[in-house]
Structures are given as structure tokens and as C-alpha cells.
Amino acid sequence: MCVCVLYFAQSADLTGSGGGVCAVPTPISSQDLWTLLLRRHPRLGAAASRGAGGASAVRCLGDHLLTLEDGDEVAVVPPLSGG
């Protein structure tokens, strides 16, 4: 099954892409999805090591079981900061 992964802000910079299609098994845990995305774009790990980017979003969500449908969109959005 294929989902569309969209990268925003720092995650787009680190992947060099605004997004693309990714084959994923279903159901998949949010942590397993993040691991799959890290395999495709290892530079995303730099964001995780600094506590920024999609890894923080996954941590905020916890490790939930996701049931994705073919054609679903998954967004990797770094946390926003500021005043």
C-alpha cells in the first residue's frame, strides 16, 4: 500500500524534498513509520538528535498503531517555536 508523505520546514530541508510516495505495511505503528522514513532519509535523524523535526511529533503522539489507507497523506511537521 502507498501513502503520500509530505515534508515541511526543516524536514523538507533535510530530505531535499517536499514529499513523495512511500510504500508502507498496514497496520503500522507510528514509531515503525518513523523508522521507515529514517531509512529513506537518514538526514532526518539529525533533527531527531536535536529534538526537532518529525521525531518530536512522533514522541508527542506516542507509539500508536496506525491503520493507513492507500493514498492517505502523512505529514512530517517540525514543532513550531516562538512567542
PDB file of N, CA and C in Angstrom:
ATOM      1  N   MET A   1       0.833  -1.151   0.000  1.00  0.00           N
ATOM      2  CA  MET A   1       0.000   0.000   0.000  1.00  0.00           C
ATOM      3  C   MET A   1       0.893   1.234   0.000  1.00  0.00           C
ATOM      4  N   CYS A   2       0.456   2.287  -0.660  1.00  0.00           N
ATOM      5  CA  CYS A   2       1.267   3.502  -0.779  1.00  0.00           C
ATOM      6  C   CYS A   2       0.563   4.687  -0.130  1.00  0.00           C
ATOM      7  N   VAL A   3       1.348   5.487   0.587  1.00  0.00           N
ATOM      8  CA  VAL A   3       0.855   6.732   1.165  1.00  0.00           C
ATOM      9  C   VAL A   3       1.729   7.869   0.650  1.00  0.00           C
ATOM     10  N   CYS A   4       1.189   9.060   0.686  1.00  0.00           N
ATOM     11  CA  CYS A   4       1.932  10.253   0.291  1.00  0.00           C
ATOM     12  C   CYS A   4       2.509  10.870   1.555  1.00  0.00           C
ATOM     13  N   VAL A   5       3.829  11.015   1.603  1.00  0.00           N
ATOM     14  CA  VAL A   5       4.491  11.627   2.753  1.00  0.00           C
ATOM     15  C   VAL A   5       4.874  13.049   2.364  1.00  0.00           C
ATOM     16  N   LEU A   6       4.433  14.009   3.167  1.00  0.00           N
ATOM     17  CA  LEU A   6       4.718  15.416   2.925  1.00  0.00           C
ATOM     18  C   LEU A   6       5.696  15.912   3.979  1.00  0.00           C
ATOM     19  N   TYR A   7       6.746  16.591   3.535  1.00  0.00           N
ATOM     20  CA  TYR A   7       7.756  17.131   4.445  1.00  0.00           C
ATOM     21  C   TYR A   7       7.644  18.649   4.458  1.00  0.00           C
ATOM     22  N   PHE A   8       7.642  19.222   5.659  1.00  0.00           N
ATOM     23  CA  PHE A   8       7.519  20.660   5.811  1.00  0.00           C
ATOM     24  C   PHE A   8       8.692  21.213   6.612  1.00  0.00           C
ATOM     25  N   ALA A   9       9.029  22.477   6.347  1.00  0.00           N
ATOM     26  CA  ALA A   9      10.046  23.227   7.091  1.00  0.00           C
ATOM     27  C   ALA A   9      11.365  22.456   7.147  1.00  0.00           C
ATOM     28  N   GLN A  10      11.918  22.244   8.340  1.00  0.00           N
ATOM     29  CA  GLN A  10      13.228  21.607   8.492  1.00  0.00           C
ATOM     30  C   GLN A  10      13.248  20.200   7.902  1.00  0.00           C
ATOM     31  N   SER A  11      12.145  19.469   8.000  1.00  0.00           N
ATOM     32  CA  SER A  11      12.137  18.115   7.445  1.00  0.00           C
ATOM     33  C   SER A  11      12.273  18.149   5.923  1.00  0.00           C
ATOM     34  N   ALA A  12      11.705  19.167   5.274  1.00  0.00           N
ATOM     35  CA  ALA A  12      11.872  19.313   3.823  1.00  0.00           C
ATOM     36  C   ALA A  12      13.319  19.650   3.483  1.00  0.00           C
ATOM     37  N   ASP A  13      13.942  20.504   4.293  1.00  0.00           N
ATOM     38  CA  ASP A  13      15.351  20.844   4.070  1.00  0.00           C
ATOM     39  C   ASP A  13      16.236  19.608   4.208  1.00  0.00           C
ATOM     40  N   LEU A  14      15.988  18.818   5.228  1.00  0.00           N
ATOM     41  CA  LEU A  14      16.828  17.646   5.490  1.00  0.00           C
ATOM     42  C   LEU A  14      16.645  16.543   4.455  1.00  0.00           C
ATOM     43  N   THR A  15      15.445  16.414   3.908  1.00  0.00           N
ATOM     44  CA  THR A  15      15.205  15.375   2.905  1.00  0.00           C
ATOM     45  C   THR A  15      15.487  15.872   1.496  1.00  0.00           C
ATOM     46  N   GLY A  16      15.527  17.194   1.325  1.00  0.00           N
ATOM     47  CA  GLY A  16      15.690  17.752  -0.009  1.00  0.00           C
ATOM     48  C   GLY A  16      14.453  17.555  -0.857  1.00  0.00           C
ATOM     49  N   SER A  17      13.314  17.385  -0.191  1.00  0.00           N
ATOM     50  CA  SER A  17      12.080  17.070  -0.899  1.00  0.00           C
ATOM     51  C   SER A  17      10.881  17.626  -0.144  1.00  0.00           C
ATOM     52  N   GLY A  18       9.858  17.968  -0.891  1.00  0.00           N
ATOM     53  CA  GLY A  18       8.598  18.370  -0.281  1.00  0.00           C
ATOM     54  C   GLY A  18       7.699  17.187  -0.010  1.00  0.00           C
ATOM     55  N   GLY A  19       8.111  16.016  -0.516  1.00  0.00           N
ATOM     56  CA  GLY A  19       7.305  14.819  -0.270  1.00  0.00           C
ATOM     57  C   GLY A  19       7.455  13.801  -1.373  1.00  0.00           C
ATOM     58  N   GLY A  20       6.726  12.721  -1.208  1.00  0.00           N
ATOM     59  CA  GLY A  20       6.760  11.654  -2.190  1.00  0.00           C
ATOM     60  C   GLY A  20       5.901  10.491  -1.746  1.00  0.00           C
ATOM     61  N   VAL A  21       5.852   9.488  -2.574  1.00  0.00           N
ATOM     62  CA  VAL A  21       5.054   8.299  -2.291  1.00  0.00           C
ATOM     63  C   VAL A  21       5.932   7.273  -1.594  1.00  0.00           C
ATOM     64  N   CYS A  22       5.360   6.628  -0.588  1.00  0.00           N
ATOM     65  CA  CYS A  22       6.098   5.655   0.209  1.00  0.00           C
ATOM     66  C   CYS A  22       5.226   4.419   0.417  1.00  0.00           C
ATOM     67  N   ALA A  23       5.796   3.255   0.145  1.00  0.00           N
ATOM     68  CA  ALA A  23       5.074   2.002   0.397  1.00  0.00           C
ATOM     69  C   ALA A  23       5.214   1.649   1.870  1.00  0.00           C
ATOM     70  N   VAL A  24       4.087   1.362   2.521  1.00  0.00           N
ATOM     71  CA  VAL A  24       4.102   1.006   3.943  1.00  0.00           C
ATOM     72  C   VAL A  24       3.186  -0.190   4.181  1.00  0.00           C
ATOM     73  N   PRO A  25       3.554  -1.026   5.161  1.00  0.00           N
ATOM     74  CA  PRO A  25       2.637  -2.088   5.559  1.00  0.00           C
ATOM     75  C   PRO A  25       1.527  -1.485   6.421  1.00  0.00           C
ATOM     76  N   THR A  26       0.423  -2.159   6.496  1.00  0.00           N
ATOM     77  CA  THR A  26      -0.640  -1.696   7.380  1.00  0.00           C
ATOM     78  C   THR A  26      -1.219  -2.872   8.130  1.00  0.00           C
ATOM     79  N   PRO A  27      -1.518  -2.736   9.396  1.00  0.00           N
ATOM     80  CA  PRO A  27      -1.274  -1.550  10.208  1.00  0.00           C
ATOM     81  C   PRO A  27       0.207  -1.395  10.517  1.00  0.00           C
ATOM     82  N   ILE A  28       0.600  -0.185  10.880  1.00  0.00           N
ATOM     83  CA  ILE A  28       1.986   0.121  11.228  1.00  0.00           C
ATOM     84  C   ILE A  28       1.972   1.040  12.447  1.00  0.00           C
ATOM     85  N   SER A  29       2.929   0.862  13.339  1.00  0.00           N
ATOM     86  CA  SER A  29       2.996   1.760  14.497  1.00  0.00           C
ATOM     87  C   SER A  29       3.630   3.076  14.061  1.00  0.00           C
ATOM     88  N   SER A  30       3.349   4.133  14.799  1.00  0.00           N
ATOM     89  CA  SER A  30       3.934   5.429  14.450  1.00  0.00           C
ATOM     90  C   SER A  30       5.459   5.385  14.548  1.00  0.00           C
ATOM     91  N   GLN A  31       6.001   4.648  15.511  1.00  0.00           N
ATOM     92  CA  GLN A  31       7.458   4.510  15.618  1.00  0.00           C
ATOM     93  C   GLN A  31       8.028   3.748  14.424  1.00  0.00           C
ATOM     94  N   ASP A  32       7.345   2.687  13.978  1.00  0.00           N
ATOM     95  CA  ASP A  32       7.815   1.936  12.810  1.00  0.00           C
ATOM     96  C   ASP A  32       7.748   2.789  11.550  1.00  0.00           C
ATOM     97  N   LEU A  33       6.730   3.631  11.446  1.00  0.00           N
ATOM     98  CA  LEU A  33       6.635   4.541  10.305  1.00  0.00           C
ATOM     99  C   LEU A  33       7.806   5.519  10.319  1.00  0.00           C
ATOM    100  N   TRP A  34       8.127   6.070  11.496  1.00  0.00           N
ATOM    101  CA  TRP A  34       9.267   6.988  11.606  1.00  0.00           C
ATOM    102  C   TRP A  34      10.562   6.277  11.221  1.00  0.00           C
ATOM    103  N   THR A  35      10.738   5.027  11.670  1.00  0.00           N
ATOM    104  CA  THR A  35      11.935   4.248  11.335  1.00  0.00           C
ATOM    105  C   THR A  35      12.030   4.040   9.828  1.00  0.00           C
ATOM    106  N   LEU A  36      10.907   3.745   9.193  1.00  0.00           N
ATOM    107  CA  LEU A  36      10.879   3.568   7.740  1.00  0.00           C
ATOM    108  C   LEU A  36      11.287   4.868   7.042  1.00  0.00           C
ATOM    109  N   LEU A  37      10.780   6.000   7.522  1.00  0.00           N
ATOM    110  CA  LEU A  37      11.139   7.288   6.918  1.00  0.00           C
ATOM    111  C   LEU A  37      12.612   7.612   7.135  1.00  0.00           C
ATOM    112  N   LEU A  38      13.153   7.239   8.300  1.00  0.00           N
ATOM    113  CA  LEU A  38      14.587   7.445   8.553  1.00  0.00           C
ATOM    114  C   LEU A  38      15.448   6.612   7.612  1.00  0.00           C
ATOM    115  N   ARG A  39      14.995   5.419   7.271  1.00  0.00           N
ATOM    116  CA  ARG A  39      15.747   4.589   6.320  1.00  0.00           C
ATOM    117  C   ARG A  39      15.781   5.249   4.951  1.00  0.00           C
ATOM    118  N   ARG A  40      14.678   5.862   4.566  1.00  0.00           N
ATOM    119  CA  ARG A  40      14.612   6.534   3.268  1.00  0.00           C
ATOM    120  C   ARG A  40      15.404   7.836   3.263  1.00  0.00           C
ATOM    121  N   HIS A  41      15.390   8.530   4.397  1.00  0.00           N
ATOM    122  CA  HIS A  41      16.045   9.841   4.506  1.00  0.00           C
ATOM    123  C   HIS A  41      16.830   9.893   5.810  1.00  0.00           C
ATOM    124  N   PRO A  42      18.022   9.313   5.832  1.00  0.00           N
ATOM    125  CA  PRO A  42      18.807   9.251   7.069  1.00  0.00           C
ATOM    126  C   PRO A  42      19.088  10.618   7.701  1.00  0.00           C
ATOM    127  N   ARG A  43      19.106  11.673   6.894  1.00  0.00           N
ATOM    128  CA  ARG A  43      19.385  13.005   7.455  1.00  0.00           C
ATOM    129  C   ARG A  43      18.296  13.462   8.419  1.00  0.00           C
ATOM    130  N   LEU A  44      17.113  12.872   8.350  1.00  0.00           N
ATOM    131  CA  LEU A  44      16.069  13.212   9.320  1.00  0.00           C
ATOM    132  C   LEU A  44      16.520  12.878  10.739  1.00  0.00           C
ATOM    133  N   GLY A  45      17.447  11.946  10.860  1.00  0.00           N
ATOM    134  CA  GLY A  45      17.976  11.582  12.167  1.00  0.00           C
ATOM    135  C   GLY A  45      18.673  12.744  12.851  1.00  0.00           C
ATOM    136  N   ALA A  46      19.211  13.684  12.060  1.00  0.00           N
ATOM    137  CA  ALA A  46      19.849  14.866  12.640  1.00  0.00           C
ATOM    138  C   ALA A  46      18.821  15.688  13.404  1.00  0.00           C
ATOM    139  N   ALA A  47      17.627  15.779  12.876  1.00  0.00           N
ATOM    140  CA  ALA A  47      16.562  16.503  13.570  1.00  0.00           C
ATOM    141  C   ALA A  47      16.180  15.775  14.844  1.00  0.00           C
ATOM    142  N   ALA A  48      16.148  14.462  14.787  1.00  0.00           N
ATOM    143  CA  ALA A  48      15.777  13.678  15.967  1.00  0.00           C
ATOM    144  C   ALA A  48      16.806  13.851  17.071  1.00  0.00           C
ATOM    145  N   SER A  49      18.086  13.901  16.702  1.00  0.00           N
ATOM    146  CA  SER A  49      19.127  14.020  17.724  1.00  0.00           C
ATOM    147  C   SER A  49      19.125  15.395  18.381  1.00  0.00           C
ATOM    148  N   ARG A  50      18.574  16.394  17.679  1.00  0.00           N
ATOM    149  CA  ARG A  50      18.470  17.736  18.261  1.00  0.00           C
ATOM    150  C   ARG A  50      17.111  17.957  18.911  1.00  0.00           C
ATOM    151  N   GLY A  51      16.265  16.924  18.865  1.00  0.00           N
ATOM    152  CA  GLY A  51      14.943  17.065  19.469  1.00  0.00           C
ATOM    153  C   GLY A  51      13.988  17.881  18.632  1.00  0.00           C
ATOM    154  N   ALA A  52      14.271  17.978  17.325  1.00  0.00           N
ATOM    155  CA  ALA A  52      13.404  18.744  16.440  1.00  0.00           C
ATOM    156  C   ALA A  52      12.893  17.840  15.341  1.00  0.00           C
ATOM    157  N   GLY A  53      12.021  18.382  14.522  1.00  0.00           N
ATOM    158  CA  GLY A  53      11.541  17.645  13.368  1.00  0.00           C
ATOM    159  C   GLY A  53      10.500  16.610  13.719  1.00  0.00           C
ATOM    160  N   GLY A  54      10.314  15.660  12.796  1.00  0.00           N
ATOM    161  CA  GLY A  54       9.258  14.677  12.932  1.00  0.00           C
ATOM    162  C   GLY A  54       9.382  13.782  14.137  1.00  0.00           C
ATOM    163  N   ALA A  55      10.604  13.542  14.604  1.00  0.00           N
ATOM    164  CA  ALA A  55      10.762  12.644  15.750  1.00  0.00           C
ATOM    165  C   ALA A  55      10.022  13.179  16.953  1.00  0.00           C
ATOM    166  N   SER A  56      10.060  14.485  17.146  1.00  0.00           N
ATOM    167  CA  SER A  56       9.341  15.069  18.271  1.00  0.00           C
ATOM    168  C   SER A  56       7.846  14.864  18.111  1.00  0.00           C
ATOM    169  N   ALA A  57       7.382  14.999  16.879  1.00  0.00           N
ATOM    170  CA  ALA A  57       5.956  14.805  16.640  1.00  0.00           C
ATOM    171  C   ALA A  57       5.554  13.378  16.961  1.00  0.00           C
ATOM    172  N   VAL A  58       6.398  12.425  16.561  1.00  0.00           N
ATOM    173  CA  VAL A  58       6.093  11.027  16.859  1.00  0.00           C
ATOM    174  C   VAL A  58       6.105  10.805  18.362  1.00  0.00           C
ATOM    175  N   ARG A  59       7.080  11.382  19.044  1.00  0.00           N
ATOM    176  CA  ARG A  59       7.130  11.232  20.503  1.00  0.00           C
ATOM    177  C   ARG A  59       5.900  11.851  21.146  1.00  0.00           C
ATOM    178  N   CYS A  60       5.443  12.975  20.630  1.00  0.00           N
ATOM    179  CA  CYS A  60       4.246  13.609  21.191  1.00  0.00           C
ATOM    180  C   CYS A  60       3.030  12.720  21.001  1.00  0.00           C
ATOM    181  N   LEU A  61       2.980  12.044  19.876  1.00  0.00           N
ATOM    182  CA  LEU A  61       1.850  11.164  19.600  1.00  0.00           C
ATOM    183  C   LEU A  61       1.959   9.854  20.364  1.00  0.00           C
ATOM    184  N   GLY A  62       3.164   9.500  20.770  1.00  0.00           N
ATOM    185  CA  GLY A  62       3.366   8.190  21.371  1.00  0.00           C
ATOM    186  C   GLY A  62       3.525   7.154  20.278  1.00  0.00           C
ATOM    187  N   ASP A  63       3.526   5.912  20.658  1.00  0.00           N
ATOM    188  CA  ASP A  63       3.681   4.845  19.673  1.00  0.00           C
ATOM    189  C   ASP A  63       2.330   4.184  19.468  1.00  0.00           C
ATOM    190  N   HIS A  64       1.543   4.780  18.588  1.00  0.00           N
ATOM    191  CA  HIS A  64       0.195   4.299  18.330  1.00  0.00           C
ATOM    192  C   HIS A  64       0.164   3.430  17.083  1.00  0.00           C
ATOM    193  N   LEU A  65      -0.773   2.520  17.047  1.00  0.00           N
ATOM    194  CA  LEU A  65      -0.977   1.707  15.860  1.00  0.00           C
ATOM    195  C   LEU A  65      -1.774   2.528  14.855  1.00  0.00           C
ATOM    196  N   LEU A  66      -1.221   2.684  13.662  1.00  0.00           N
ATOM    197  CA  LEU A  66      -1.875   3.458  12.613  1.00  0.00           C
ATOM    198  C   LEU A  66      -2.427   2.512  11.562  1.00  0.00           C
ATOM    199  N   THR A  67      -3.657   2.711  11.184  1.00  0.00           N
ATOM    200  CA  THR A  67      -4.228   1.961  10.079  1.00  0.00           C
ATOM    201  C   THR A  67      -4.391   2.937   8.926  1.00  0.00           C
ATOM    202  N   LEU A  68      -3.435   2.897   8.018  1.00  0.00           N
ATOM    203  CA  LEU A  68      -3.432   3.812   6.885  1.00  0.00           C
ATOM    204  C   LEU A  68      -4.119   3.157   5.701  1.00  0.00           C
ATOM    205  N   GLU A  69      -4.760   3.969   4.899  1.00  0.00           N
ATOM    206  CA  GLU A  69      -5.405   3.510   3.672  1.00  0.00           C
ATOM    207  C   GLU A  69      -4.535   3.910   2.485  1.00  0.00           C
ATOM    208  N   ASP A  70      -4.656   3.175   1.402  1.00  0.00           N
ATOM    209  CA  ASP A  70      -3.927   3.509   0.188  1.00  0.00           C
ATOM    210  C   ASP A  70      -4.259   4.946  -0.220  1.00  0.00           C
ATOM    211  N   GLY A  71      -3.230   5.754  -0.443  1.00  0.00           N
ATOM    212  CA  GLY A  71      -3.426   7.137  -0.856  1.00  0.00           C
ATOM    213  C   GLY A  71      -3.510   8.137   0.286  1.00  0.00           C
ATOM    214  N   ASP A  72      -3.493   7.675   1.546  1.00  0.00           N
ATOM    215  CA  ASP A  72      -3.501   8.603   2.680  1.00  0.00           C
ATOM    216  C   ASP A  72      -2.269   9.494   2.647  1.00  0.00           C
ATOM    217  N   GLU A  73      -2.365  10.642   3.307  1.00  0.00           N
ATOM    218  CA  GLU A  73      -1.237  11.557   3.428  1.00  0.00           C
ATOM    219  C   GLU A  73      -0.716  11.552   4.854  1.00  0.00           C
ATOM    220  N   VAL A  74       0.606  11.536   4.977  1.00  0.00           N
ATOM    221  CA  VAL A  74       1.283  11.622   6.267  1.00  0.00           C
ATOM    222  C   VAL A  74       2.178  12.849   6.197  1.00  0.00           C
ATOM    223  N   ALA A  75       2.017  13.765   7.142  1.00  0.00           N
ATOM    224  CA  ALA A  75       2.819  14.987   7.151  1.00  0.00           C
ATOM    225  C   ALA A  75       3.875  14.915   8.241  1.00  0.00           C
ATOM    226  N   VAL A  76       5.104  15.277   7.886  1.00  0.00           N
ATOM    227  CA  VAL A  76       6.194  15.388   8.852  1.00  0.00           C
ATOM    228  C   VAL A  76       6.389  16.883   9.079  1.00  0.00           C
ATOM    229  N   VAL A  77       5.916  17.349  10.233  1.00  0.00           N
ATOM    230  CA  VAL A  77       5.917  18.771  10.547  1.00  0.00           C
ATOM    231  C   VAL A  77       6.747  18.999  11.805  1.00  0.00           C
ATOM    232  N   PRO A  78       7.846  19.733  11.690  1.00  0.00           N
ATOM    233  CA  PRO A  78       8.630  20.038  12.887  1.00  0.00           C
ATOM    234  C   PRO A  78       7.793  20.870  13.862  1.00  0.00           C
ATOM    235  N   PRO A  79       8.079  20.747  15.137  1.00  0.00           N
ATOM    236  CA  PRO A  79       7.341  21.564  16.106  1.00  0.00           C
ATOM    237  C   PRO A  79       7.614  23.047  15.871  1.00  0.00           C
ATOM    238  N   LEU A  80       6.612  23.845  16.095  1.00  0.00           N
ATOM    239  CA  LEU A  80       6.754  25.288  15.934  1.00  0.00           C
ATOM    240  C   LEU A  80       7.248  25.882  17.234  1.00  0.00           C
ATOM    241  N   SER A  81       8.042  26.922  17.119  1.00  0.00           N
ATOM    242  CA  SER A  81       8.513  27.599  18.324  1.00  0.00           C
ATOM    243  C   SER A  81       8.360  29.095  18.124  1.00  0.00           C
ATOM    244  N   GLY A  82       8.486  29.797  19.177  1.00  0.00           N
ATOM    245  CA  GLY A  82       8.379  31.242  19.096  1.00  0.00           C
ATOM    246  C   GLY A  82       7.456  31.765  20.172  1.00  0.00           C
ATOM    247  N   GLY A  83       7.197  33.047  20.112  1.00  0.00           N
ATOM    248  CA  GLY A  83       6.411  33.672  21.165  1.00  0.00           C
ATOM    249  C   GLY A  83       5.007  33.933  20.820  1.00  0.00           C
TER     250      GLY A  83
END
